[in-house]
Amino acid sequence: MINLFTINNHILDTSKYSNLLHDDVVNVFENELCKYVGSKYAVTFNSATSAIFLSLLNKNITLKIPSMIPPVVLNAIITSGNEYEFTDNIEWVGDSYVLHEFKDYKIIDSAQKLERNQFKNECNPQDLMIFSFYPTKPIGGCDGGMIVSDDLDKILSLKEMALNGMTYSKNNWDRKIKFPGYKMYMNSIQCDIALRNYRQYENKLEKLSKIRSHYNNHLGYNNTSNHLYRINVNNREGFMEYMLNNNIVTGIHYETLHNHPVYLKENTNCIHSENASKKTVSIPFHENLSESDLSYIINKIKNYK
């Protein structure tokens, strides 16, 4: 079976972690990724959803977000006490987008994109940029998320919120309770896996670039994402069944939410999102695909057409 994504195999010695699971590996991972994306500071979380939740907590704002988006993003917006409106933006998939822009800073959701000097190139010093380490993301892990910024006050505040409302100190026993917070920090096991995958990331990007170019050349697309490779088909359900019968796993990224009963927003016009939601399908895109895998996938797609 040719899978849609791949998950690296790591063997961990859990006896080296402390009882609190918040060891030096957390700081190492935060510091190394900061240098890579060109930011000064970082704070890690147990998920990117938690990062979104805490960055928006009690802001009492209305966010305009794409209708084609993972529901976890919308859930974090709602549960953090905010309202939402839908936009017809379908170009963000596989890229970053502005989650919200305040008067003096913005929050960028970059769960599906991670590049060298990305914060430096896309952000102002006071901005917040959110990354995800869900297993299928560019730098996969055992879930987890991170916010980077050059604004130390914002980072320290988020770190305290995620660390049970406690002041931050490298010595766990020196931390003091400051306010009722949340248990949303990224633990040592999550950081260790993400750090190992990060250190293989440049090699992964090199392989993905070749695979993406091969797909583009043979399928007629100009895709640029390092996270997904999506194509359009007229009969998506039939295509996905056909591919699965030929031992190729495909996926949907994403369904629209504006007409979902849970998130329904009446009188919302998202025609492009509705069309893309019906026709877009993701095909296998990961660094372990062989040349024979690519040829097989491309031939099956062309034969279906």
C-alpha atoms as a PDB file:
ATOM      1  CA  MET A   1       0.000   0.000   0.000  1.00  0.00           C
ATOM      2  CA  ILE A   2       1.296   3.460  -0.916  1.00  0.00           C
ATOM      3  CA  ASN A   3       0.341   5.728   1.970  1.00  0.00           C
ATOM      4  CA  LEU A   4      -0.704   9.364   1.770  1.00  0.00           C
ATOM      5  CA  PHE A   5       1.831  10.374   4.456  1.00  0.00           C
ATOM      6  CA  THR A   6       4.729   8.721   6.224  1.00  0.00           C
ATOM      7  CA  ILE A   7       5.634   8.669   9.915  1.00  0.00           C
ATOM      8  CA  ASN A   8       9.269   8.202  10.928  1.00  0.00           C
ATOM      9  CA  ASN A   9      10.185   5.439  13.353  1.00  0.00           C
ATOM     10  CA  HIS A  10      12.049   6.557  16.486  1.00  0.00           C
ATOM     11  CA  ILE A  11      13.141   4.550  19.502  1.00  0.00           C
ATOM     12  CA  LEU A  12      13.183   6.622  22.708  1.00  0.00           C
ATOM     13  CA  ASP A  13      14.751   5.895  26.087  1.00  0.00           C
ATOM     14  CA  THR A  14      12.040   7.324  28.338  1.00  0.00           C
ATOM     15  CA  SER A  15      14.111   6.662  31.483  1.00  0.00           C
ATOM     16  CA  LYS A  16      16.183   9.766  30.694  1.00  0.00           C
ATOM     17  CA  TYR A  17      13.212  12.114  31.120  1.00  0.00           C
ATOM     18  CA  SER A  18      12.376  13.722  34.449  1.00  0.00           C
ATOM     19  CA  ASN A  19       9.105  13.120  36.298  1.00  0.00           C
ATOM     20  CA  LEU A  20       7.796  16.479  35.085  1.00  0.00           C
ATOM     21  CA  LEU A  21       8.526  15.726  31.406  1.00  0.00           C
ATOM     22  CA  HIS A  22       9.793  19.240  30.802  1.00  0.00           C
ATOM     23  CA  ASP A  23      13.513  18.704  30.247  1.00  0.00           C
ATOM     24  CA  ASP A  24      16.303  20.532  28.402  1.00  0.00           C
ATOM     25  CA  VAL A  25      15.195  18.983  25.108  1.00  0.00           C
ATOM     26  CA  VAL A  26      12.252  21.432  25.165  1.00  0.00           C
ATOM     27  CA  ASN A  27      14.604  24.422  25.278  1.00  0.00           C
ATOM     28  CA  VAL A  28      16.889  22.864  22.665  1.00  0.00           C
ATOM     29  CA  PHE A  29      13.999  22.352  20.259  1.00  0.00           C
ATOM     30  CA  GLU A  30      12.629  25.859  20.809  1.00  0.00           C
ATOM     31  CA  ASN A  31      16.074  27.432  20.305  1.00  0.00           C
ATOM     32  CA  GLU A  32      16.943  25.444  17.168  1.00  0.00           C
ATOM     33  CA  LEU A  33      13.635  26.171  15.466  1.00  0.00           C
ATOM     34  CA  CYS A  34      13.914  29.858  16.391  1.00  0.00           C
ATOM     35  CA  LYS A  35      17.234  30.053  14.562  1.00  0.00           C
ATOM     36  CA  TYR A  36      15.779  28.233  11.564  1.00  0.00           C
ATOM     37  CA  VAL A  37      12.763  30.508  11.069  1.00  0.00           C
ATOM     38  CA  GLY A  38      14.564  33.703  12.122  1.00  0.00           C
ATOM     39  CA  SER A  39      12.819  34.561  15.382  1.00  0.00           C
ATOM     40  CA  LYS A  40      14.195  35.409  18.818  1.00  0.00           C
ATOM     41  CA  TYR A  41      11.823  33.501  21.089  1.00  0.00           C
ATOM     42  CA  ALA A  42       9.537  30.476  21.091  1.00  0.00           C
ATOM     43  CA  VAL A  43       7.074  28.628  23.288  1.00  0.00           C
ATOM     44  CA  THR A  44       5.914  25.059  22.679  1.00  0.00           C
ATOM     45  CA  PHE A  45       2.474  23.521  23.280  1.00  0.00           C
ATOM     46  CA  ASN A  46       0.929  20.058  23.358  1.00  0.00           C
ATOM     47  CA  SER A  47      -0.774  20.896  20.041  1.00  0.00           C
ATOM     48  CA  ALA A  48      -1.096  23.727  17.540  1.00  0.00           C
ATOM     49  CA  THR A  49      -4.784  23.835  18.506  1.00  0.00           C
ATOM     50  CA  SER A  50      -3.751  24.749  22.056  1.00  0.00           C
ATOM     51  CA  ALA A  51      -1.442  27.418  20.629  1.00  0.00           C
ATOM     52  CA  ILE A  52      -4.351  28.956  18.700  1.00  0.00           C
ATOM     53  CA  PHE A  53      -6.639  28.688  21.729  1.00  0.00           C
ATOM     54  CA  LEU A  54      -4.266  30.478  24.110  1.00  0.00           C
ATOM     55  CA  SER A  55      -3.259  33.141  21.577  1.00  0.00           C
ATOM     56  CA  LEU A  56      -6.956  34.069  21.165  1.00  0.00           C
ATOM     57  CA  LEU A  57      -8.195  33.476  24.712  1.00  0.00           C
ATOM     58  CA  ASN A  58     -10.760  36.067  25.789  1.00  0.00           C
ATOM     59  CA  LYS A  59      -9.931  38.454  22.954  1.00  0.00           C
ATOM     60  CA  ASN A  60     -13.665  38.914  22.240  1.00  0.00           C
ATOM     61  CA  ILE A  61     -13.116  39.404  18.518  1.00  0.00           C
ATOM     62  CA  THR A  62     -14.590  38.157  15.271  1.00  0.00           C
ATOM     63  CA  LEU A  63     -12.155  36.243  13.094  1.00  0.00           C
ATOM     64  CA  LYS A  64     -12.547  35.848   9.351  1.00  0.00           C
ATOM     65  CA  ILE A  65     -11.310  32.400   8.393  1.00  0.00           C
ATOM     66  CA  PRO A  66     -11.444  30.181   5.288  1.00  0.00           C
ATOM     67  CA  SER A  67     -14.439  27.863   5.078  1.00  0.00           C
ATOM     68  CA  MET A  68     -12.110  25.102   3.821  1.00  0.00           C
ATOM     69  CA  ILE A  69     -10.177  24.638   7.035  1.00  0.00           C
ATOM     70  CA  PRO A  70      -9.607  21.884   9.612  1.00  0.00           C
ATOM     71  CA  PRO A  71     -12.435  22.074  12.183  1.00  0.00           C
ATOM     72  CA  VAL A  72      -9.924  22.112  15.057  1.00  0.00           C
ATOM     73  CA  VAL A  73      -9.037  25.693  14.107  1.00  0.00           C
ATOM     74  CA  LEU A  74     -12.648  26.777  14.304  1.00  0.00           C
ATOM     75  CA  ASN A  75     -13.119  24.860  17.556  1.00  0.00           C
ATOM     76  CA  ALA A  76     -10.194  26.745  19.122  1.00  0.00           C
ATOM     77  CA  ILE A  77     -11.683  30.063  18.001  1.00  0.00           C
ATOM     78  CA  ILE A  78     -15.071  29.251  19.525  1.00  0.00           C
ATOM     79  CA  THR A  79     -13.856  27.696  22.788  1.00  0.00           C
ATOM     80  CA  SER A  80     -11.468  30.614  23.399  1.00  0.00           C
ATOM     81  CA  GLY A  81     -14.475  32.933  23.484  1.00  0.00           C
ATOM     82  CA  ASN A  82     -14.534  34.475  20.024  1.00  0.00           C
ATOM     83  CA  GLU A  83     -16.843  34.773  17.023  1.00  0.00           C
ATOM     84  CA  TYR A  84     -16.151  33.853  13.412  1.00  0.00           C
ATOM     85  CA  GLU A  85     -17.083  34.619   9.827  1.00  0.00           C
ATOM     86  CA  PHE A  86     -16.154  32.574   6.764  1.00  0.00           C
ATOM     87  CA  THR A  87     -14.172  33.687   3.729  1.00  0.00           C
ATOM     88  CA  ASP A  88     -13.883  32.065   0.313  1.00  0.00           C
ATOM     89  CA  ASN A  89     -10.108  31.711   0.510  1.00  0.00           C
ATOM     90  CA  ILE A  90      -8.942  28.397  -0.988  1.00  0.00           C
ATOM     91  CA  GLU A  91      -5.339  29.425  -1.730  1.00  0.00           C
ATOM     92  CA  TRP A  92      -4.135  29.057   1.855  1.00  0.00           C
ATOM     93  CA  VAL A  93      -4.147  25.215   1.854  1.00  0.00           C
ATOM     94  CA  GLY A  94      -0.561  24.021   2.196  1.00  0.00           C
ATOM     95  CA  ASP A  95       0.568  27.561   3.010  1.00  0.00           C
ATOM     96  CA  SER A  96       0.343  30.085   5.849  1.00  0.00           C
ATOM     97  CA  TYR A  97      -2.414  32.651   6.322  1.00  0.00           C
ATOM     98  CA  VAL A  98      -3.259  35.526   8.677  1.00  0.00           C
ATOM     99  CA  LEU A  99      -5.530  34.145  11.373  1.00  0.00           C
ATOM    100  CA  HIS A 100      -6.228  37.640  12.741  1.00  0.00           C
ATOM    101  CA  GLU A 101      -4.724  41.100  12.550  1.00  0.00           C
ATOM    102  CA  PHE A 102      -4.915  43.329  15.596  1.00  0.00           C
ATOM    103  CA  LYS A 103      -3.974  47.009  15.579  1.00  0.00           C
ATOM    104  CA  ASP A 104      -0.386  46.387  16.610  1.00  0.00           C
ATOM    105  CA  TYR A 105       0.313  42.764  15.655  1.00  0.00           C
ATOM    106  CA  LYS A 106      -1.034  39.774  13.734  1.00  0.00           C
ATOM    107  CA  ILE A 107      -1.293  36.042  14.292  1.00  0.00           C
ATOM    108  CA  ILE A 108      -0.204  33.804  11.403  1.00  0.00           C
ATOM    109  CA  ASP A 109      -1.364  30.198  11.259  1.00  0.00           C
ATOM    110  CA  SER A 110       1.477  28.327   9.569  1.00  0.00           C
ATOM    111  CA  ALA A 111       0.565  24.789  10.576  1.00  0.00           C
ATOM    112  CA  GLN A 112       1.117  23.574   6.999  1.00  0.00           C
ATOM    113  CA  LYS A 113       4.246  25.521   6.125  1.00  0.00           C
ATOM    114  CA  LEU A 114       7.688  25.749   7.702  1.00  0.00           C
ATOM    115  CA  GLU A 115      10.616  27.344   5.876  1.00  0.00           C
ATOM    116  CA  ARG A 116      14.027  28.766   6.687  1.00  0.00           C
ATOM    117  CA  ASN A 117      13.797  32.447   7.775  1.00  0.00           C
ATOM    118  CA  GLN A 118      10.018  32.298   7.449  1.00  0.00           C
ATOM    119  CA  PHE A 119       9.268  34.464  10.480  1.00  0.00           C
ATOM    120  CA  LYS A 120      11.912  36.961   9.456  1.00  0.00           C
ATOM    121  CA  ASN A 121      10.498  37.176   5.922  1.00  0.00           C
ATOM    122  CA  GLU A 122       6.759  37.166   6.671  1.00  0.00           C
ATOM    123  CA  CYS A 123       6.382  38.831  10.059  1.00  0.00           C
ATOM    124  CA  ASN A 124       6.980  41.968  12.057  1.00  0.00           C
ATOM    125  CA  PRO A 125       8.834  41.592  15.383  1.00  0.00           C
ATOM    126  CA  GLN A 126       5.657  41.799  17.490  1.00  0.00           C
ATOM    127  CA  ASP A 127       3.742  39.196  15.438  1.00  0.00           C
ATOM    128  CA  LEU A 128       2.973  35.621  16.486  1.00  0.00           C
ATOM    129  CA  MET A 129       3.530  32.721  14.067  1.00  0.00           C
ATOM    130  CA  ILE A 130       2.082  29.295  14.869  1.00  0.00           C
ATOM    131  CA  PHE A 131       3.567  25.968  13.715  1.00  0.00           C
ATOM    132  CA  SER A 132       2.222  22.432  14.061  1.00  0.00           C
ATOM    133  CA  PHE A 133       4.080  19.166  14.685  1.00  0.00           C
ATOM    134  CA  TYR A 134       1.133  16.862  14.122  1.00  0.00           C
ATOM    135  CA  PRO A 135       2.519  13.629  12.600  1.00  0.00           C
ATOM    136  CA  THR A 136       1.492  14.537   9.041  1.00  0.00           C
ATOM    137  CA  LYS A 137       2.788  18.128   9.101  1.00  0.00           C
ATOM    138  CA  PRO A 138       6.092  19.280   7.451  1.00  0.00           C
ATOM    139  CA  ILE A 139       8.015  18.588  10.669  1.00  0.00           C
ATOM    140  CA  GLY A 140       5.951  15.789  12.115  1.00  0.00           C
ATOM    141  CA  GLY A 141       6.099  14.565  15.672  1.00  0.00           C
ATOM    142  CA  CYS A 142       3.925  13.059  18.370  1.00  0.00           C
ATOM    143  CA  ASP A 143       1.630  16.085  17.961  1.00  0.00           C
ATOM    144  CA  GLY A 144       2.599  19.485  19.397  1.00  0.00           C
ATOM    145  CA  GLY A 145       2.772  23.111  18.368  1.00  0.00           C
ATOM    146  CA  MET A 146       4.915  26.218  18.695  1.00  0.00           C
ATOM    147  CA  ILE A 147       4.532  29.980  18.628  1.00  0.00           C
ATOM    148  CA  VAL A 148       7.529  32.098  17.647  1.00  0.00           C
ATOM    149  CA  SER A 149       7.960  35.856  17.954  1.00  0.00           C
ATOM    150  CA  ASP A 150      10.470  38.591  18.700  1.00  0.00           C
ATOM    151  CA  ASP A 151       8.111  39.883  21.410  1.00  0.00           C
ATOM    152  CA  LEU A 152       9.422  38.437  24.676  1.00  0.00           C
ATOM    153  CA  ASP A 153       6.487  39.657  26.780  1.00  0.00           C
ATOM    154  CA  LYS A 154       3.961  37.816  24.598  1.00  0.00           C
ATOM    155  CA  ILE A 155       6.040  34.629  24.612  1.00  0.00           C
ATOM    156  CA  LEU A 156       6.510  34.648  28.396  1.00  0.00           C
ATOM    157  CA  SER A 157       2.796  35.267  28.940  1.00  0.00           C
ATOM    158  CA  LEU A 158       1.876  32.342  26.679  1.00  0.00           C
ATOM    159  CA  LYS A 159       4.484  30.148  28.367  1.00  0.00           C
ATOM    160  CA  GLU A 160       2.909  30.849  31.771  1.00  0.00           C
ATOM    161  CA  MET A 161      -0.601  30.211  30.447  1.00  0.00           C
ATOM    162  CA  ALA A 162       0.452  26.836  29.017  1.00  0.00           C
ATOM    163  CA  LEU A 163       2.432  25.885  32.131  1.00  0.00           C
ATOM    164  CA  ASN A 164      -0.529  25.711  34.515  1.00  0.00           C
ATOM    165  CA  GLY A 165      -0.394  29.469  35.153  1.00  0.00           C
ATOM    166  CA  MET A 166       3.059  29.221  36.733  1.00  0.00           C
ATOM    167  CA  THR A 167       6.021  31.555  36.353  1.00  0.00           C
ATOM    168  CA  TYR A 168       8.707  30.105  34.092  1.00  0.00           C
ATOM    169  CA  SER A 169      12.025  28.940  35.496  1.00  0.00           C
ATOM    170  CA  LYS A 170      14.566  26.434  34.206  1.00  0.00           C
ATOM    171  CA  ASN A 171      14.473  24.865  37.657  1.00  0.00           C
ATOM    172  CA  ASN A 172      11.016  23.289  37.919  1.00  0.00           C
ATOM    173  CA  TRP A 173      10.872  23.714  41.702  1.00  0.00           C
ATOM    174  CA  ASP A 174      11.436  27.477  41.485  1.00  0.00           C
ATOM    175  CA  ARG A 175       8.181  28.030  39.606  1.00  0.00           C
ATOM    176  CA  LYS A 176       5.427  29.917  41.414  1.00  0.00           C
ATOM    177  CA  ILE A 177       1.676  29.823  40.874  1.00  0.00           C
ATOM    178  CA  LYS A 178       0.671  33.137  39.295  1.00  0.00           C
ATOM    179  CA  PHE A 179      -2.900  32.500  38.090  1.00  0.00           C
ATOM    180  CA  PRO A 180      -5.209  29.579  37.130  1.00  0.00           C
ATOM    181  CA  GLY A 181      -3.708  28.402  33.858  1.00  0.00           C
ATOM    182  CA  TYR A 182      -3.803  25.454  31.485  1.00  0.00           C
ATOM    183  CA  LYS A 183      -1.844  22.232  31.125  1.00  0.00           C
ATOM    184  CA  MET A 184      -0.961  22.768  27.476  1.00  0.00           C
ATOM    185  CA  TYR A 185       2.835  22.662  27.386  1.00  0.00           C
ATOM    186  CA  MET A 186       4.741  20.383  25.026  1.00  0.00           C
ATOM    187  CA  ASN A 187       6.355  17.521  26.931  1.00  0.00           C
ATOM    188  CA  SER A 188       9.839  16.069  26.543  1.00  0.00           C
ATOM    189  CA  ILE A 189       8.737  13.054  24.512  1.00  0.00           C
ATOM    190  CA  GLN A 190       6.901  15.237  21.993  1.00  0.00           C
ATOM    191  CA  CYS A 191       9.867  17.616  21.740  1.00  0.00           C
ATOM    192  CA  ASP A 192      12.389  14.816  21.371  1.00  0.00           C
ATOM    193  CA  ILE A 193      10.546  13.291  18.401  1.00  0.00           C
ATOM    194  CA  ALA A 194       9.932  16.662  16.746  1.00  0.00           C
ATOM    195  CA  LEU A 195      13.578  17.655  17.270  1.00  0.00           C
ATOM    196  CA  ARG A 196      14.814  14.453  15.621  1.00  0.00           C
ATOM    197  CA  ASN A 197      12.537  15.045  12.635  1.00  0.00           C
ATOM    198  CA  TYR A 198      13.599  18.688  12.453  1.00  0.00           C
ATOM    199  CA  ARG A 199      17.228  17.634  12.131  1.00  0.00           C
ATOM    200  CA  GLN A 200      16.247  15.560   9.071  1.00  0.00           C
ATOM    201  CA  TYR A 201      14.080  18.322   7.629  1.00  0.00           C
ATOM    202  CA  GLU A 202      16.455  19.784   5.040  1.00  0.00           C
ATOM    203  CA  ASN A 203      17.024  16.336   3.571  1.00  0.00           C
ATOM    204  CA  LYS A 204      13.247  15.783   3.526  1.00  0.00           C
ATOM    205  CA  LEU A 205      12.672  19.106   1.721  1.00  0.00           C
ATOM    206  CA  GLU A 206      15.218  18.182  -0.944  1.00  0.00           C
ATOM    207  CA  LYS A 207      13.411  14.913  -1.636  1.00  0.00           C
ATOM    208  CA  LEU A 208       9.969  16.554  -1.606  1.00  0.00           C
ATOM    209  CA  SER A 209      11.121  19.166  -4.092  1.00  0.00           C
ATOM    210  CA  LYS A 210      12.102  16.450  -6.580  1.00  0.00           C
ATOM    211  CA  ILE A 211       8.842  14.546  -6.035  1.00  0.00           C
ATOM    212  CA  ARG A 212       6.758  17.706  -6.438  1.00  0.00           C
ATOM    213  CA  SER A 213       8.581  18.642  -9.659  1.00  0.00           C
ATOM    214  CA  HIS A 214       8.033  15.128 -11.004  1.00  0.00           C
ATOM    215  CA  TYR A 215       4.308  15.347 -10.268  1.00  0.00           C
ATOM    216  CA  ASN A 216       4.066  18.846 -11.750  1.00  0.00           C
ATOM    217  CA  ASN A 217       5.822  17.813 -14.943  1.00  0.00           C
ATOM    218  CA  HIS A 218       3.653  14.747 -15.528  1.00  0.00           C
ATOM    219  CA  LEU A 219       0.297  15.945 -14.191  1.00  0.00           C
ATOM    220  CA  GLY A 220       0.341  19.523 -15.454  1.00  0.00           C
ATOM    221  CA  TYR A 221       0.147  21.338 -12.122  1.00  0.00           C
ATOM    222  CA  ASN A 222       2.282  24.059 -10.582  1.00  0.00           C
ATOM    223  CA  ASN A 223       1.968  23.068  -6.930  1.00  0.00           C
ATOM    224  CA  THR A 224       4.457  24.548  -4.450  1.00  0.00           C
ATOM    225  CA  SER A 225       3.436  23.162  -1.036  1.00  0.00           C
ATOM    226  CA  ASN A 226       5.785  21.027   1.060  1.00  0.00           C
ATOM    227  CA  HIS A 227       2.818  19.572   2.935  1.00  0.00           C
ATOM    228  CA  LEU A 228       0.213  18.437   0.384  1.00  0.00           C
ATOM    229  CA  TYR A 229      -0.010  17.626  -3.289  1.00  0.00           C
ATOM    230  CA  ARG A 230      -3.586  18.183  -4.437  1.00  0.00           C
ATOM    231  CA  ILE A 231      -5.227  17.541  -7.789  1.00  0.00           C
ATOM    232  CA  ASN A 232      -8.759  18.116  -9.087  1.00  0.00           C
ATOM    233  CA  VAL A 233     -11.052  15.319 -10.255  1.00  0.00           C
ATOM    234  CA  ASN A 234     -14.681  15.367 -11.355  1.00  0.00           C
ATOM    235  CA  ASN A 235     -15.827  12.243  -9.520  1.00  0.00           C
ATOM    236  CA  ARG A 236     -13.834  12.369  -6.302  1.00  0.00           C
ATOM    237  CA  GLU A 237     -15.496   9.447  -4.530  1.00  0.00           C
ATOM    238  CA  GLY A 238     -15.078   7.253  -7.602  1.00  0.00           C
ATOM    239  CA  PHE A 239     -11.461   8.337  -8.018  1.00  0.00           C
ATOM    240  CA  MET A 240     -10.591   7.682  -4.366  1.00  0.00           C
ATOM    241  CA  GLU A 241     -12.176   4.236  -4.513  1.00  0.00           C
ATOM    242  CA  TYR A 242     -10.326   3.476  -7.761  1.00  0.00           C
ATOM    243  CA  MET A 243      -6.992   4.539  -6.245  1.00  0.00           C
ATOM    244  CA  LEU A 244      -7.586   2.520  -3.070  1.00  0.00           C
ATOM    245  CA  ASN A 245      -8.421  -0.550  -5.147  1.00  0.00           C
ATOM    246  CA  ASN A 246      -4.983  -0.020  -6.701  1.00  0.00           C
ATOM    247  CA  ASN A 247      -3.323   0.199  -3.255  1.00  0.00           C
ATOM    248  CA  ILE A 248      -2.915   3.987  -3.266  1.00  0.00           C
ATOM    249  CA  VAL A 249      -4.234   6.002  -0.307  1.00  0.00           C
ATOM    250  CA  THR A 250      -5.647   9.469  -1.060  1.00  0.00           C
ATOM    251  CA  GLY A 251      -7.222  12.137   1.148  1.00  0.00           C
ATOM    252  CA  ILE A 252      -9.548  15.149   1.259  1.00  0.00           C
ATOM    253  CA  HIS A 253      -8.197  18.595   2.217  1.00  0.00           C
ATOM    254  CA  TYR A 254     -10.723  19.978   3.121  1.00  0.00           C
ATOM    255  CA  GLU A 255     -14.512  19.961   3.411  1.00  0.00           C
ATOM    256  CA  THR A 256     -16.286  23.332   3.742  1.00  0.00           C
ATOM    257  CA  LEU A 257     -17.535  24.318   7.199  1.00  0.00           C
ATOM    258  CA  HIS A 258     -19.861  27.240   6.464  1.00  0.00           C
ATOM    259  CA  ASN A 259     -22.706  24.859   5.571  1.00  0.00           C
ATOM    260  CA  HIS A 260     -21.954  22.261   8.251  1.00  0.00           C
ATOM    261  CA  PRO A 261     -24.760  21.971  10.846  1.00  0.00           C
ATOM    262  CA  VAL A 262     -22.360  22.568  13.745  1.00  0.00           C
ATOM    263  CA  TYR A 263     -20.795  25.727  12.292  1.00  0.00           C
ATOM    264  CA  LEU A 264     -23.592  26.904   9.986  1.00  0.00           C
ATOM    265  CA  LYS A 265     -23.448  30.524   8.899  1.00  0.00           C
ATOM    266  CA  GLU A 266     -26.442  31.463   6.784  1.00  0.00           C
ATOM    267  CA  ASN A 267     -26.116  33.747   3.771  1.00  0.00           C
ATOM    268  CA  THR A 268     -22.420  32.877   3.408  1.00  0.00           C
ATOM    269  CA  ASN A 269     -21.184  32.962  -0.174  1.00  0.00           C
ATOM    270  CA  CYS A 270     -18.230  30.596  -0.605  1.00  0.00           C
ATOM    271  CA  ILE A 271     -18.706  29.277  -4.132  1.00  0.00           C
ATOM    272  CA  HIS A 272     -15.002  28.666  -4.808  1.00  0.00           C
ATOM    273  CA  SER A 273     -14.663  26.751  -1.537  1.00  0.00           C
ATOM    274  CA  GLU A 274     -17.708  24.618  -2.294  1.00  0.00           C
ATOM    275  CA  ASN A 275     -16.403  23.737  -5.761  1.00  0.00           C
ATOM    276  CA  ALA A 276     -12.908  22.949  -4.502  1.00  0.00           C
ATOM    277  CA  SER A 277     -14.303  20.938  -1.605  1.00  0.00           C
ATOM    278  CA  LYS A 278     -16.090  18.636  -4.057  1.00  0.00           C
ATOM    279  CA  LYS A 279     -13.234  18.176  -6.542  1.00  0.00           C
ATOM    280  CA  THR A 280      -9.946  18.436  -4.642  1.00  0.00           C
ATOM    281  CA  VAL A 281      -8.102  15.296  -3.564  1.00  0.00           C
ATOM    282  CA  SER A 282      -4.626  14.826  -2.093  1.00  0.00           C
ATOM    283  CA  ILE A 283      -2.344  12.135  -3.498  1.00  0.00           C
ATOM    284  CA  PRO A 284       0.658  10.505  -1.732  1.00  0.00           C
ATOM    285  CA  PHE A 285       3.370  13.083  -1.017  1.00  0.00           C
ATOM    286  CA  HIS A 286       6.215  12.168   1.297  1.00  0.00           C
ATOM    287  CA  GLU A 287       9.958  11.637   1.242  1.00  0.00           C
ATOM    288  CA  ASN A 288       9.803   7.823   1.181  1.00  0.00           C
ATOM    289  CA  LEU A 289       8.165   7.590  -2.233  1.00  0.00           C
ATOM    290  CA  SER A 290      10.375   5.759  -4.721  1.00  0.00           C
ATOM    291  CA  GLU A 291      10.634   6.433  -8.458  1.00  0.00           C
ATOM    292  CA  SER A 292       8.613   3.311  -9.116  1.00  0.00           C
ATOM    293  CA  ASP A 293       5.952   4.533  -6.647  1.00  0.00           C
ATOM    294  CA  LEU A 294       5.708   7.857  -8.488  1.00  0.00           C
ATOM    295  CA  SER A 295       5.469   6.206 -11.896  1.00  0.00           C
ATOM    296  CA  TYR A 296       2.790   3.849 -10.622  1.00  0.00           C
ATOM    297  CA  ILE A 297       0.734   6.686  -9.052  1.00  0.00           C
ATOM    298  CA  ILE A 298       1.009   8.895 -12.145  1.00  0.00           C
ATOM    299  CA  ASN A 299       0.037   6.062 -14.481  1.00  0.00           C
ATOM    300  CA  LYS A 300      -3.014   5.193 -12.377  1.00  0.00           C
ATOM    301  CA  ILE A 301      -4.123   8.859 -12.341  1.00  0.00           C
ATOM    302  CA  LYS A 302      -3.720   9.157 -16.105  1.00  0.00           C
ATOM    303  CA  ASN A 303      -5.487   5.864 -16.728  1.00  0.00           C
ATOM    304  CA  TYR A 304      -8.426   7.019 -14.618  1.00  0.00           C
ATOM    305  CA  LYS A 305      -8.749  10.212 -16.639  1.00  0.00           C
END
